[in-house]
Amino acid sequence: MKVIEATRQEENDRTIVNLRFKSMDQLLDPDDPSPLGQKELTQVAEDAILSTVYAVRLKRPVTLKIEIPGVPDPGPVTEIPDAIRHHLRFVLTEHERETGIFLRERHVSLAFTGINLLIAMLYVVFLYENEVWMTSLAGIVISAIIIIMNWATIWDTYEFFIFDGRERKNRKKLLEKVIHGEIRVIPFLSKNTGIITR
């Protein structure tokens, strides 16, 4: 099981988030041939970093400490933060692209809601002028269909604007927080190698 130990501690006006990885390959994709500073994070590492930092209030500054065993020289200590930021910038770019599509779909949802509300209002006027129709089977069925259509589109639009919109906004803030925040790499004693590199 690829467990990543995560701890937090408060220090003055910021939160220290500490993540201990079992190996470099658990943090950075070993199949990525890019230079160290441009390697991709593993999905496990990305999820661990973002979920742990997200547990801290978005407005509170965070220092991310990455503990890795067996770092052979001081070079990786400076390049690993670059790799993390490089990967998350790509994730942020993808997020912004998807947000553009999301906003377009939100406008479409809003348009459908407006059309359905207009149909509902016209139907209410029609029922007011034709009360007998309201009690007929066809009138009851059509009324039910219009109510369901409006409920579905209004809820869909509400979800777009409130829940999904807030989630996307917070994810962008989270990614920017990690990218522009302080990242430290701390070598620690490896049980496999029996040595510590600092």
N, C-alpha and C. Protein backbone atom coordinates (compact mmCIF):
# COMPACT_ATOMS: atom_id res chain seq x y z
N MET A 1 0.84 -1.19 0.00
CA MET A 1 0.00 0.00 0.00
C MET A 1 0.88 1.25 0.00
N LYS A 2 0.63 2.16 -0.92
CA LYS A 2 1.46 3.35 -1.06
C LYS A 2 0.94 4.48 -0.16
N VAL A 3 1.30 4.38 1.11
CA VAL A 3 0.84 5.37 2.08
C VAL A 3 1.77 6.58 2.06
N ILE A 4 1.17 7.77 2.06
CA ILE A 4 1.92 9.00 2.17
C ILE A 4 1.54 9.63 3.50
N GLU A 5 2.52 9.73 4.39
CA GLU A 5 2.25 10.30 5.70
C GLU A 5 2.05 11.80 5.58
N ALA A 6 0.95 12.30 6.15
CA ALA A 6 0.64 13.72 6.10
C ALA A 6 0.41 14.25 7.50
N THR A 7 1.11 15.34 7.82
CA THR A 7 0.93 15.99 9.12
C THR A 7 0.86 17.49 8.92
N ARG A 8 0.27 18.16 9.90
CA ARG A 8 0.17 19.62 9.84
C ARG A 8 0.56 20.21 11.19
N GLN A 9 1.11 21.42 11.15
CA GLN A 9 1.40 22.13 12.39
C GLN A 9 1.29 23.64 12.11
N GLU A 10 0.86 24.35 13.13
CA GLU A 10 0.71 25.80 13.01
C GLU A 10 2.01 26.47 13.43
N GLU A 11 2.42 27.46 12.67
CA GLU A 11 3.66 28.18 12.98
C GLU A 11 3.46 29.65 12.67
N ASN A 12 3.30 30.46 13.72
CA ASN A 12 3.04 31.89 13.57
C ASN A 12 1.77 32.11 12.75
N ASP A 13 1.93 32.75 11.59
CA ASP A 13 0.75 33.09 10.78
C ASP A 13 0.54 32.14 9.62
N ARG A 14 1.18 30.96 9.65
CA ARG A 14 1.04 30.02 8.54
C ARG A 14 0.92 28.59 9.04
N THR A 15 0.53 27.71 8.12
CA THR A 15 0.41 26.28 8.43
C THR A 15 1.50 25.52 7.69
N ILE A 16 2.20 24.65 8.40
CA ILE A 16 3.22 23.81 7.79
C ILE A 16 2.57 22.48 7.44
N VAL A 17 2.55 22.15 6.16
CA VAL A 17 2.00 20.87 5.70
C VAL A 17 3.17 19.97 5.33
N ASN A 18 3.27 18.84 6.01
CA ASN A 18 4.39 17.93 5.79
C ASN A 18 3.90 16.64 5.15
N LEU A 19 4.52 16.25 4.03
CA LEU A 19 4.19 15.01 3.34
C LEU A 19 5.45 14.16 3.22
N ARG A 20 5.38 12.95 3.74
CA ARG A 20 6.55 12.05 3.68
C ARG A 20 6.29 10.95 2.65
N PHE A 21 7.12 10.94 1.62
CA PHE A 21 7.02 9.94 0.55
C PHE A 21 8.03 8.82 0.81
N LYS A 22 7.68 7.62 0.36
CA LYS A 22 8.54 6.47 0.57
C LYS A 22 9.72 6.43 -0.41
N SER A 23 9.53 7.07 -1.56
CA SER A 23 10.59 7.10 -2.56
C SER A 23 10.35 8.25 -3.52
N MET A 24 11.37 8.56 -4.31
CA MET A 24 11.23 9.60 -5.33
C MET A 24 10.19 9.19 -6.37
N ASP A 25 10.14 7.88 -6.67
CA ASP A 25 9.19 7.39 -7.68
C ASP A 25 7.74 7.52 -7.22
N GLN A 26 7.53 7.62 -5.91
CA GLN A 26 6.17 7.82 -5.42
C GLN A 26 5.73 9.27 -5.62
N LEU A 27 6.71 10.17 -5.68
CA LEU A 27 6.41 11.59 -5.89
C LEU A 27 6.38 11.94 -7.37
N LEU A 28 7.43 11.59 -8.09
CA LEU A 28 7.55 11.95 -9.51
C LEU A 28 7.41 10.71 -10.39
N ASP A 29 6.74 10.88 -11.51
CA ASP A 29 6.48 9.77 -12.43
C ASP A 29 7.80 9.20 -12.96
N PRO A 30 8.14 7.96 -12.62
CA PRO A 30 9.42 7.39 -13.06
C PRO A 30 9.48 7.14 -14.56
N ASP A 31 8.32 7.11 -15.23
CA ASP A 31 8.29 6.87 -16.67
C ASP A 31 8.38 8.16 -17.49
N ASP A 32 8.40 9.30 -16.81
CA ASP A 32 8.50 10.57 -17.52
C ASP A 32 9.97 10.85 -17.83
N PRO A 33 10.34 10.95 -19.13
CA PRO A 33 11.76 11.14 -19.49
C PRO A 33 12.23 12.60 -19.38
N SER A 34 11.35 13.50 -18.97
CA SER A 34 11.71 14.92 -18.89
C SER A 34 12.80 15.15 -17.85
N PRO A 35 13.50 16.29 -17.94
CA PRO A 35 14.47 16.64 -16.90
C PRO A 35 13.76 16.73 -15.55
N LEU A 36 14.51 16.58 -14.47
CA LEU A 36 13.93 16.49 -13.13
C LEU A 36 12.98 17.65 -12.83
N GLY A 37 13.38 18.86 -13.17
CA GLY A 37 12.57 20.04 -12.86
C GLY A 37 11.28 20.15 -13.66
N GLN A 38 11.12 19.27 -14.66
CA GLN A 38 9.91 19.32 -15.49
C GLN A 38 9.12 18.00 -15.46
N LYS A 39 9.50 17.10 -14.56
CA LYS A 39 8.80 15.83 -14.49
C LYS A 39 7.38 16.02 -13.96
N GLU A 40 6.51 15.08 -14.33
CA GLU A 40 5.14 15.10 -13.83
C GLU A 40 5.08 14.43 -12.46
N LEU A 41 4.14 14.91 -11.65
CA LEU A 41 3.86 14.22 -10.39
C LEU A 41 3.08 12.95 -10.68
N THR A 42 3.20 11.99 -9.81
CA THR A 42 2.31 10.83 -9.90
C THR A 42 0.92 11.28 -9.47
N GLN A 43 -0.10 10.55 -9.88
CA GLN A 43 -1.47 10.92 -9.50
C GLN A 43 -1.64 10.85 -7.99
N VAL A 44 -0.97 9.88 -7.37
CA VAL A 44 -1.05 9.74 -5.91
C VAL A 44 -0.47 10.98 -5.23
N ALA A 45 0.67 11.45 -5.74
CA ALA A 45 1.32 12.62 -5.15
C ALA A 45 0.48 13.88 -5.35
N GLU A 46 -0.05 14.05 -6.56
CA GLU A 46 -0.89 15.22 -6.83
C GLU A 46 -2.10 15.27 -5.90
N ASP A 47 -2.77 14.13 -5.76
CA ASP A 47 -3.95 14.06 -4.90
C ASP A 47 -3.58 14.35 -3.44
N ALA A 48 -2.45 13.80 -3.00
CA ALA A 48 -2.02 13.99 -1.61
C ALA A 48 -1.70 15.45 -1.32
N ILE A 49 -0.98 16.09 -2.24
CA ILE A 49 -0.61 17.50 -2.05
C ILE A 49 -1.85 18.39 -2.01
N LEU A 50 -2.72 18.24 -3.00
CA LEU A 50 -3.87 19.13 -3.10
C LEU A 50 -4.88 18.89 -1.98
N SER A 51 -5.14 17.64 -1.66
CA SER A 51 -6.13 17.36 -0.61
C SER A 51 -5.64 17.81 0.76
N THR A 52 -4.34 17.65 1.02
CA THR A 52 -3.80 18.05 2.32
C THR A 52 -3.78 19.57 2.47
N VAL A 53 -3.38 20.26 1.41
CA VAL A 53 -3.36 21.73 1.46
C VAL A 53 -4.79 22.28 1.50
N TYR A 54 -5.72 21.60 0.83
CA TYR A 54 -7.10 22.07 0.80
C TYR A 54 -7.76 22.00 2.18
N ALA A 55 -7.22 21.14 3.04
CA ALA A 55 -7.75 21.03 4.39
C ALA A 55 -7.47 22.28 5.22
N VAL A 56 -6.54 23.11 4.74
CA VAL A 56 -6.22 24.39 5.39
C VAL A 56 -7.06 25.48 4.73
N ARG A 57 -7.49 26.46 5.50
CA ARG A 57 -8.26 27.56 4.93
C ARG A 57 -7.53 28.16 3.74
N LEU A 58 -8.25 28.45 2.67
CA LEU A 58 -7.63 28.91 1.44
C LEU A 58 -6.86 30.22 1.62
N LYS A 59 -7.31 31.07 2.54
CA LYS A 59 -6.64 32.36 2.72
C LYS A 59 -5.42 32.28 3.63
N ARG A 60 -5.23 31.15 4.29
CA ARG A 60 -4.09 31.02 5.21
C ARG A 60 -2.85 30.56 4.45
N PRO A 61 -1.72 31.26 4.65
CA PRO A 61 -0.47 30.85 3.98
C PRO A 61 -0.03 29.45 4.41
N VAL A 62 0.56 28.74 3.46
CA VAL A 62 0.99 27.36 3.71
C VAL A 62 2.42 27.18 3.23
N THR A 63 3.20 26.45 4.02
CA THR A 63 4.51 25.99 3.59
C THR A 63 4.42 24.48 3.39
N LEU A 64 4.75 24.04 2.21
CA LEU A 64 4.68 22.61 1.88
C LEU A 64 6.06 21.99 2.05
N LYS A 65 6.15 21.03 2.96
CA LYS A 65 7.41 20.30 3.17
C LYS A 65 7.28 18.91 2.57
N ILE A 66 8.20 18.60 1.70
CA ILE A 66 8.23 17.29 1.04
C ILE A 66 9.41 16.51 1.57
N GLU A 67 9.16 15.39 2.22
CA GLU A 67 10.23 14.54 2.75
C GLU A 67 10.43 13.34 1.83
N ILE A 68 11.68 13.15 1.39
CA ILE A 68 12.00 12.05 0.47
C ILE A 68 13.30 11.39 0.94
N PRO A 69 13.34 10.07 0.97
CA PRO A 69 14.58 9.39 1.37
C PRO A 69 15.56 9.25 0.21
N GLY A 70 16.83 9.21 0.55
CA GLY A 70 17.85 8.85 -0.43
C GLY A 70 18.08 9.85 -1.53
N VAL A 71 17.96 11.16 -1.27
CA VAL A 71 18.31 12.15 -2.29
C VAL A 71 19.82 12.23 -2.37
N PRO A 72 20.46 11.89 -3.50
CA PRO A 72 21.92 11.71 -3.57
C PRO A 72 22.74 12.99 -3.54
N ASP A 73 22.17 14.12 -3.93
CA ASP A 73 22.94 15.36 -3.94
C ASP A 73 21.97 16.53 -3.77
N PRO A 74 22.47 17.73 -3.51
CA PRO A 74 21.58 18.87 -3.26
C PRO A 74 20.83 19.36 -4.48
N GLY A 75 21.19 18.87 -5.67
CA GLY A 75 20.51 19.31 -6.88
C GLY A 75 19.01 19.08 -6.86
N PRO A 76 18.57 17.82 -6.60
CA PRO A 76 17.14 17.54 -6.57
C PRO A 76 16.38 18.35 -5.55
N VAL A 77 17.04 18.75 -4.46
CA VAL A 77 16.36 19.52 -3.42
C VAL A 77 15.83 20.83 -3.99
N THR A 78 16.54 21.39 -4.95
CA THR A 78 16.09 22.64 -5.57
C THR A 78 15.21 22.38 -6.79
N GLU A 79 15.39 21.25 -7.45
CA GLU A 79 14.63 20.98 -8.67
C GLU A 79 13.25 20.36 -8.41
N ILE A 80 13.10 19.66 -7.30
CA ILE A 80 11.81 19.03 -7.00
C ILE A 80 10.70 20.07 -6.84
N PRO A 81 10.93 21.18 -6.10
CA PRO A 81 9.89 22.21 -6.05
C PRO A 81 9.53 22.75 -7.44
N ASP A 82 10.55 22.86 -8.32
CA ASP A 82 10.28 23.30 -9.69
C ASP A 82 9.38 22.30 -10.41
N ALA A 83 9.63 21.01 -10.19
CA ALA A 83 8.83 19.97 -10.83
C ALA A 83 7.38 20.03 -10.33
N ILE A 84 7.20 20.23 -9.02
CA ILE A 84 5.85 20.32 -8.46
C ILE A 84 5.11 21.51 -9.05
N ARG A 85 5.77 22.65 -9.11
CA ARG A 85 5.12 23.85 -9.66
C ARG A 85 4.85 23.69 -11.15
N HIS A 86 5.79 23.09 -11.86
CA HIS A 86 5.62 22.88 -13.31
C HIS A 86 4.39 22.00 -13.57
N HIS A 87 4.26 20.94 -12.80
CA HIS A 87 3.12 20.03 -12.98
C HIS A 87 1.81 20.74 -12.65
N LEU A 88 1.78 21.46 -11.54
CA LEU A 88 0.54 22.11 -11.12
C LEU A 88 0.16 23.28 -12.03
N ARG A 89 1.15 23.90 -12.66
CA ARG A 89 0.82 24.94 -13.65
C ARG A 89 0.09 24.32 -14.84
N PHE A 90 0.53 23.14 -15.25
CA PHE A 90 -0.15 22.42 -16.33
C PHE A 90 -1.57 22.06 -15.90
N VAL A 91 -1.73 21.57 -14.66
CA VAL A 91 -3.06 21.24 -14.15
C VAL A 91 -3.94 22.49 -14.12
N LEU A 92 -3.36 23.63 -13.73
CA LEU A 92 -4.10 24.89 -13.69
C LEU A 92 -4.54 25.32 -15.09
N THR A 93 -3.65 25.14 -16.07
CA THR A 93 -3.99 25.48 -17.45
C THR A 93 -5.16 24.63 -17.94
N GLU A 94 -5.12 23.34 -17.64
CA GLU A 94 -6.21 22.44 -18.01
C GLU A 94 -7.50 22.84 -17.29
N HIS A 95 -7.36 23.22 -16.04
CA HIS A 95 -8.53 23.63 -15.26
C HIS A 95 -9.17 24.88 -15.86
N GLU A 96 -8.35 25.83 -16.28
CA GLU A 96 -8.88 27.06 -16.87
C GLU A 96 -9.54 26.78 -18.22
N ARG A 97 -8.99 25.84 -18.98
CA ARG A 97 -9.62 25.46 -20.25
C ARG A 97 -10.98 24.82 -20.00
N GLU A 98 -11.03 23.92 -19.03
CA GLU A 98 -12.29 23.26 -18.70
C GLU A 98 -13.29 24.26 -18.12
N THR A 99 -12.79 25.26 -17.41
CA THR A 99 -13.69 26.28 -16.85
C THR A 99 -14.34 27.09 -17.96
N GLY A 100 -13.60 27.35 -19.04
CA GLY A 100 -14.17 28.05 -20.19
C GLY A 100 -15.34 27.27 -20.77
N ILE A 101 -15.16 25.95 -20.90
CA ILE A 101 -16.25 25.09 -21.40
C ILE A 101 -17.41 25.10 -20.40
N PHE A 102 -17.07 25.05 -19.12
CA PHE A 102 -18.08 25.07 -18.06
C PHE A 102 -18.93 26.33 -18.13
N LEU A 103 -18.29 27.48 -18.32
CA LEU A 103 -19.02 28.75 -18.39
C LEU A 103 -19.95 28.79 -19.60
N ARG A 104 -19.48 28.22 -20.71
CA ARG A 104 -20.33 28.16 -21.91
C ARG A 104 -21.56 27.31 -21.64
N GLU A 105 -21.37 26.16 -21.01
CA GLU A 105 -22.49 25.28 -20.70
C GLU A 105 -23.42 25.92 -19.67
N ARG A 106 -22.87 26.72 -18.79
CA ARG A 106 -23.69 27.40 -17.79
C ARG A 106 -24.62 28.41 -18.46
N HIS A 107 -24.12 29.10 -19.48
CA HIS A 107 -24.95 30.04 -20.23
C HIS A 107 -26.07 29.32 -20.97
N VAL A 108 -25.75 28.13 -21.51
CA VAL A 108 -26.77 27.34 -22.20
C VAL A 108 -27.84 26.91 -21.21
N SER A 109 -27.42 26.47 -20.03
CA SER A 109 -28.37 26.05 -19.00
C SER A 109 -29.27 27.21 -18.59
N LEU A 110 -28.69 28.39 -18.48
CA LEU A 110 -29.47 29.57 -18.11
C LEU A 110 -30.49 29.91 -19.19
N ALA A 111 -30.08 29.75 -20.46
CA ALA A 111 -31.00 30.02 -21.57
C ALA A 111 -32.18 29.05 -21.56
N PHE A 112 -31.89 27.76 -21.32
CA PHE A 112 -32.96 26.76 -21.24
C PHE A 112 -33.92 27.07 -20.09
N THR A 113 -33.37 27.53 -18.98
CA THR A 113 -34.21 27.87 -17.83
C THR A 113 -35.13 29.04 -18.18
N GLY A 114 -34.59 30.03 -18.86
CA GLY A 114 -35.41 31.18 -19.27
C GLY A 114 -36.54 30.78 -20.22
N ILE A 115 -36.20 29.91 -21.16
CA ILE A 115 -37.22 29.44 -22.13
C ILE A 115 -38.31 28.65 -21.41
N ASN A 116 -37.91 27.76 -20.51
CA ASN A 116 -38.90 26.95 -19.78
C ASN A 116 -39.78 27.81 -18.88
N LEU A 117 -39.21 28.83 -18.26
CA LEU A 117 -40.01 29.72 -17.43
C LEU A 117 -41.00 30.51 -18.27
N LEU A 118 -40.58 30.92 -19.45
CA LEU A 118 -41.48 31.64 -20.36
C LEU A 118 -42.65 30.74 -20.79
N ILE A 119 -42.33 29.48 -21.12
CA ILE A 119 -43.38 28.52 -21.48
C ILE A 119 -44.35 28.33 -20.32
N ALA A 120 -43.80 28.22 -19.11
CA ALA A 120 -44.64 28.03 -17.93
C ALA A 120 -45.57 29.22 -17.71
N MET A 121 -45.04 30.43 -17.87
CA MET A 121 -45.87 31.62 -17.66
C MET A 121 -46.98 31.71 -18.72
N LEU A 122 -46.65 31.39 -19.98
CA LEU A 122 -47.66 31.40 -21.03
C LEU A 122 -48.73 30.34 -20.77
N TYR A 123 -48.29 29.20 -20.24
CA TYR A 123 -49.24 28.12 -19.96
C TYR A 123 -50.17 28.51 -18.81
N VAL A 124 -49.63 29.22 -17.81
CA VAL A 124 -50.47 29.69 -16.70
C VAL A 124 -51.53 30.65 -17.20
N VAL A 125 -51.14 31.54 -18.12
CA VAL A 125 -52.11 32.48 -18.71
C VAL A 125 -53.19 31.71 -19.47
N PHE A 126 -52.74 30.68 -20.20
CA PHE A 126 -53.69 29.86 -20.95
C PHE A 126 -54.68 29.16 -20.00
N LEU A 127 -54.17 28.62 -18.89
CA LEU A 127 -55.03 27.94 -17.92
C LEU A 127 -56.01 28.91 -17.27
N TYR A 128 -55.55 30.12 -17.04
CA TYR A 128 -56.42 31.13 -16.43
C TYR A 128 -57.61 31.44 -17.34
N GLU A 129 -57.37 31.41 -18.64
CA GLU A 129 -58.43 31.71 -19.60
C GLU A 129 -59.23 30.47 -19.98
N ASN A 130 -58.70 29.27 -19.64
CA ASN A 130 -59.38 28.01 -19.99
C ASN A 130 -59.37 27.08 -18.77
N GLU A 131 -60.19 27.39 -17.79
CA GLU A 131 -60.20 26.63 -16.54
C GLU A 131 -60.62 25.18 -16.73
N VAL A 132 -61.48 24.92 -17.70
CA VAL A 132 -61.93 23.54 -17.95
C VAL A 132 -60.76 22.66 -18.36
N TRP A 133 -59.84 23.23 -19.16
CA TRP A 133 -58.67 22.48 -19.63
C TRP A 133 -57.82 21.99 -18.46
N MET A 134 -57.80 22.78 -17.39
CA MET A 134 -56.95 22.45 -16.24
C MET A 134 -57.33 21.11 -15.61
N THR A 135 -58.61 20.77 -15.64
CA THR A 135 -59.07 19.53 -15.00
C THR A 135 -59.12 18.34 -15.95
N SER A 136 -58.81 18.58 -17.22
CA SER A 136 -58.81 17.47 -18.17
C SER A 136 -57.54 16.65 -18.02
N LEU A 137 -57.58 15.43 -18.53
CA LEU A 137 -56.41 14.54 -18.44
C LEU A 137 -55.21 15.14 -19.17
N ALA A 138 -55.46 15.65 -20.38
CA ALA A 138 -54.36 16.27 -21.15
C ALA A 138 -53.78 17.46 -20.41
N GLY A 139 -54.66 18.26 -19.81
CA GLY A 139 -54.19 19.43 -19.07
C GLY A 139 -53.34 19.05 -17.87
N ILE A 140 -53.76 17.99 -17.15
CA ILE A 140 -52.99 17.54 -15.99
C ILE A 140 -51.62 17.00 -16.41
N VAL A 141 -51.58 16.22 -17.50
CA VAL A 141 -50.32 15.65 -17.99
C VAL A 141 -49.36 16.75 -18.43
N ILE A 142 -49.87 17.69 -19.21
CA ILE A 142 -49.01 18.77 -19.71
C ILE A 142 -48.52 19.64 -18.55
N SER A 143 -49.39 19.90 -17.60
CA SER A 143 -48.98 20.69 -16.43
C SER A 143 -47.86 19.99 -15.67
N ALA A 144 -47.98 18.67 -15.51
CA ALA A 144 -46.95 17.90 -14.81
C ALA A 144 -45.62 17.96 -15.56
N ILE A 145 -45.70 17.84 -16.89
CA ILE A 145 -44.47 17.88 -17.70
C ILE A 145 -43.79 19.24 -17.57
N ILE A 146 -44.56 20.31 -17.61
CA ILE A 146 -43.99 21.66 -17.51
C ILE A 146 -43.36 21.88 -16.14
N ILE A 147 -44.03 21.39 -15.09
CA ILE A 147 -43.48 21.52 -13.73
C ILE A 147 -42.15 20.77 -13.61
N ILE A 148 -42.11 19.54 -14.13
CA ILE A 148 -40.89 18.75 -14.06
C ILE A 148 -39.76 19.39 -14.86
N MET A 149 -40.08 19.89 -16.06
CA MET A 149 -39.07 20.55 -16.88
C MET A 149 -38.48 21.76 -16.17
N ASN A 150 -39.34 22.57 -15.55
CA ASN A 150 -38.85 23.76 -14.87
C ASN A 150 -38.06 23.40 -13.62
N TRP A 151 -38.51 22.40 -12.89
CA TRP A 151 -37.77 21.98 -11.70
C TRP A 151 -36.37 21.51 -12.09
N ALA A 152 -36.29 20.69 -13.15
CA ALA A 152 -35.00 20.13 -13.57
C ALA A 152 -34.05 21.22 -14.06
N THR A 153 -34.54 22.13 -14.90
CA THR A 153 -33.65 23.17 -15.44
C THR A 153 -33.25 24.20 -14.39
N ILE A 154 -34.18 24.53 -13.49
CA ILE A 154 -33.83 25.48 -12.43
C ILE A 154 -32.79 24.88 -11.50
N TRP A 155 -32.96 23.61 -11.12
CA TRP A 155 -31.97 22.97 -10.26
C TRP A 155 -30.62 22.85 -10.95
N ASP A 156 -30.64 22.48 -12.23
CA ASP A 156 -29.39 22.35 -12.99
C ASP A 156 -28.66 23.68 -13.03
N THR A 157 -29.39 24.76 -13.28
CA THR A 157 -28.78 26.09 -13.33
C THR A 157 -28.27 26.50 -11.96
N TYR A 158 -29.04 26.23 -10.92
CA TYR A 158 -28.62 26.55 -9.56
C TYR A 158 -27.33 25.81 -9.21
N GLU A 159 -27.26 24.53 -9.60
CA GLU A 159 -26.07 23.73 -9.33
C GLU A 159 -24.86 24.29 -10.08
N PHE A 160 -25.07 24.70 -11.34
CA PHE A 160 -24.00 25.31 -12.14
C PHE A 160 -23.45 26.56 -11.45
N PHE A 161 -24.35 27.45 -11.02
CA PHE A 161 -23.93 28.74 -10.49
C PHE A 161 -23.42 28.65 -9.06
N ILE A 162 -24.01 27.80 -8.22
CA ILE A 162 -23.65 27.77 -6.81
C ILE A 162 -22.62 26.70 -6.50
N PHE A 163 -22.96 25.45 -6.69
CA PHE A 163 -22.09 24.36 -6.25
C PHE A 163 -20.88 24.18 -7.17
N ASP A 164 -21.13 23.94 -8.47
CA ASP A 164 -20.03 23.70 -9.40
C ASP A 164 -19.15 24.93 -9.55
N GLY A 165 -19.77 26.11 -9.60
CA GLY A 165 -19.00 27.34 -9.75
C GLY A 165 -18.09 27.58 -8.57
N ARG A 166 -18.60 27.35 -7.37
CA ARG A 166 -17.79 27.54 -6.16
C ARG A 166 -16.65 26.52 -6.12
N GLU A 167 -16.94 25.28 -6.50
CA GLU A 167 -15.90 24.25 -6.49
C GLU A 167 -14.77 24.59 -7.46
N ARG A 168 -15.11 25.06 -8.63
CA ARG A 168 -14.08 25.41 -9.63
C ARG A 168 -13.26 26.61 -9.17
N LYS A 169 -13.94 27.58 -8.57
CA LYS A 169 -13.23 28.76 -8.08
C LYS A 169 -12.25 28.40 -6.98
N ASN A 170 -12.68 27.53 -6.07
CA ASN A 170 -11.81 27.12 -4.97
C ASN A 170 -10.63 26.27 -5.47
N ARG A 171 -10.86 25.43 -6.48
CA ARG A 171 -9.76 24.62 -7.01
C ARG A 171 -8.70 25.50 -7.67
N LYS A 172 -9.14 26.54 -8.36
CA LYS A 172 -8.17 27.46 -8.97
C LYS A 172 -7.35 28.16 -7.89
N LYS A 173 -8.01 28.62 -6.83
CA LYS A 173 -7.30 29.26 -5.73
C LYS A 173 -6.32 28.30 -5.07
N LEU A 174 -6.73 27.04 -4.93
CA LEU A 174 -5.88 26.03 -4.32
C LEU A 174 -4.62 25.80 -5.14
N LEU A 175 -4.78 25.63 -6.46
CA LEU A 175 -3.63 25.40 -7.33
C LEU A 175 -2.68 26.60 -7.29
N GLU A 176 -3.22 27.81 -7.36
CA GLU A 176 -2.39 29.01 -7.32
C GLU A 176 -1.68 29.14 -5.97
N LYS A 177 -2.35 28.72 -4.92
CA LYS A 177 -1.76 28.79 -3.58
C LYS A 177 -0.52 27.91 -3.48
N VAL A 178 -0.60 26.70 -4.01
CA VAL A 178 0.55 25.79 -3.96
C VAL A 178 1.66 26.27 -4.90
N ILE A 179 1.27 26.70 -6.11
CA ILE A 179 2.26 27.14 -7.11
C ILE A 179 3.08 28.31 -6.60
N HIS A 180 2.42 29.27 -5.97
CA HIS A 180 3.11 30.49 -5.52
C HIS A 180 3.57 30.41 -4.07
N GLY A 181 3.27 29.31 -3.41
CA GLY A 181 3.67 29.17 -2.01
C GLY A 181 5.08 28.62 -1.85
N GLU A 182 5.49 28.52 -0.60
CA GLU A 182 6.83 28.01 -0.28
C GLU A 182 6.80 26.48 -0.29
N ILE A 183 7.79 25.88 -0.98
CA ILE A 183 7.92 24.43 -1.03
C ILE A 183 9.35 24.06 -0.61
N ARG A 184 9.45 23.23 0.38
CA ARG A 184 10.77 22.77 0.85
C ARG A 184 10.88 21.26 0.67
N VAL A 185 12.09 20.83 0.34
CA VAL A 185 12.37 19.39 0.24
C VAL A 185 13.31 19.02 1.37
N ILE A 186 12.88 18.05 2.19
CA ILE A 186 13.66 17.65 3.36
C ILE A 186 14.07 16.18 3.21
N PRO A 187 15.35 15.91 2.94
CA PRO A 187 15.80 14.50 2.92
C PRO A 187 15.72 13.91 4.32
N PHE A 188 15.40 12.63 4.41
CA PHE A 188 15.34 11.99 5.72
C PHE A 188 15.96 10.60 5.65
N LEU A 189 16.16 10.02 6.81
CA LEU A 189 16.81 8.71 6.90
C LEU A 189 15.98 7.65 6.21
N SER A 190 16.60 6.97 5.27
CA SER A 190 15.91 5.91 4.53
C SER A 190 16.13 4.57 5.21
N LYS A 191 15.05 3.85 5.47
CA LYS A 191 15.17 2.53 6.08
C LYS A 191 15.82 1.54 5.12
N ASN A 192 15.64 1.81 3.81
CA ASN A 192 16.20 0.90 2.81
C ASN A 192 17.72 1.08 2.67
N THR A 193 18.13 2.34 2.65
CA THR A 193 19.55 2.62 2.42
C THR A 193 20.33 2.74 3.72
N GLY A 194 19.62 3.11 4.80
CA GLY A 194 20.29 3.25 6.08
C GLY A 194 21.15 4.50 6.16
N ILE A 195 20.96 5.45 5.22
CA ILE A 195 21.76 6.67 5.24
C ILE A 195 20.82 7.87 5.19
N ILE A 196 21.34 8.97 5.59
CA ILE A 196 20.58 10.21 5.48
C ILE A 196 21.37 11.20 4.65
N THR A 197 20.67 11.89 3.74
CA THR A 197 21.36 12.87 2.88
C THR A 197 20.77 14.22 3.16
N ARG A 198 21.62 15.19 3.39
CA ARG A 198 21.16 16.56 3.65
C ARG A 198 22.06 17.52 2.91
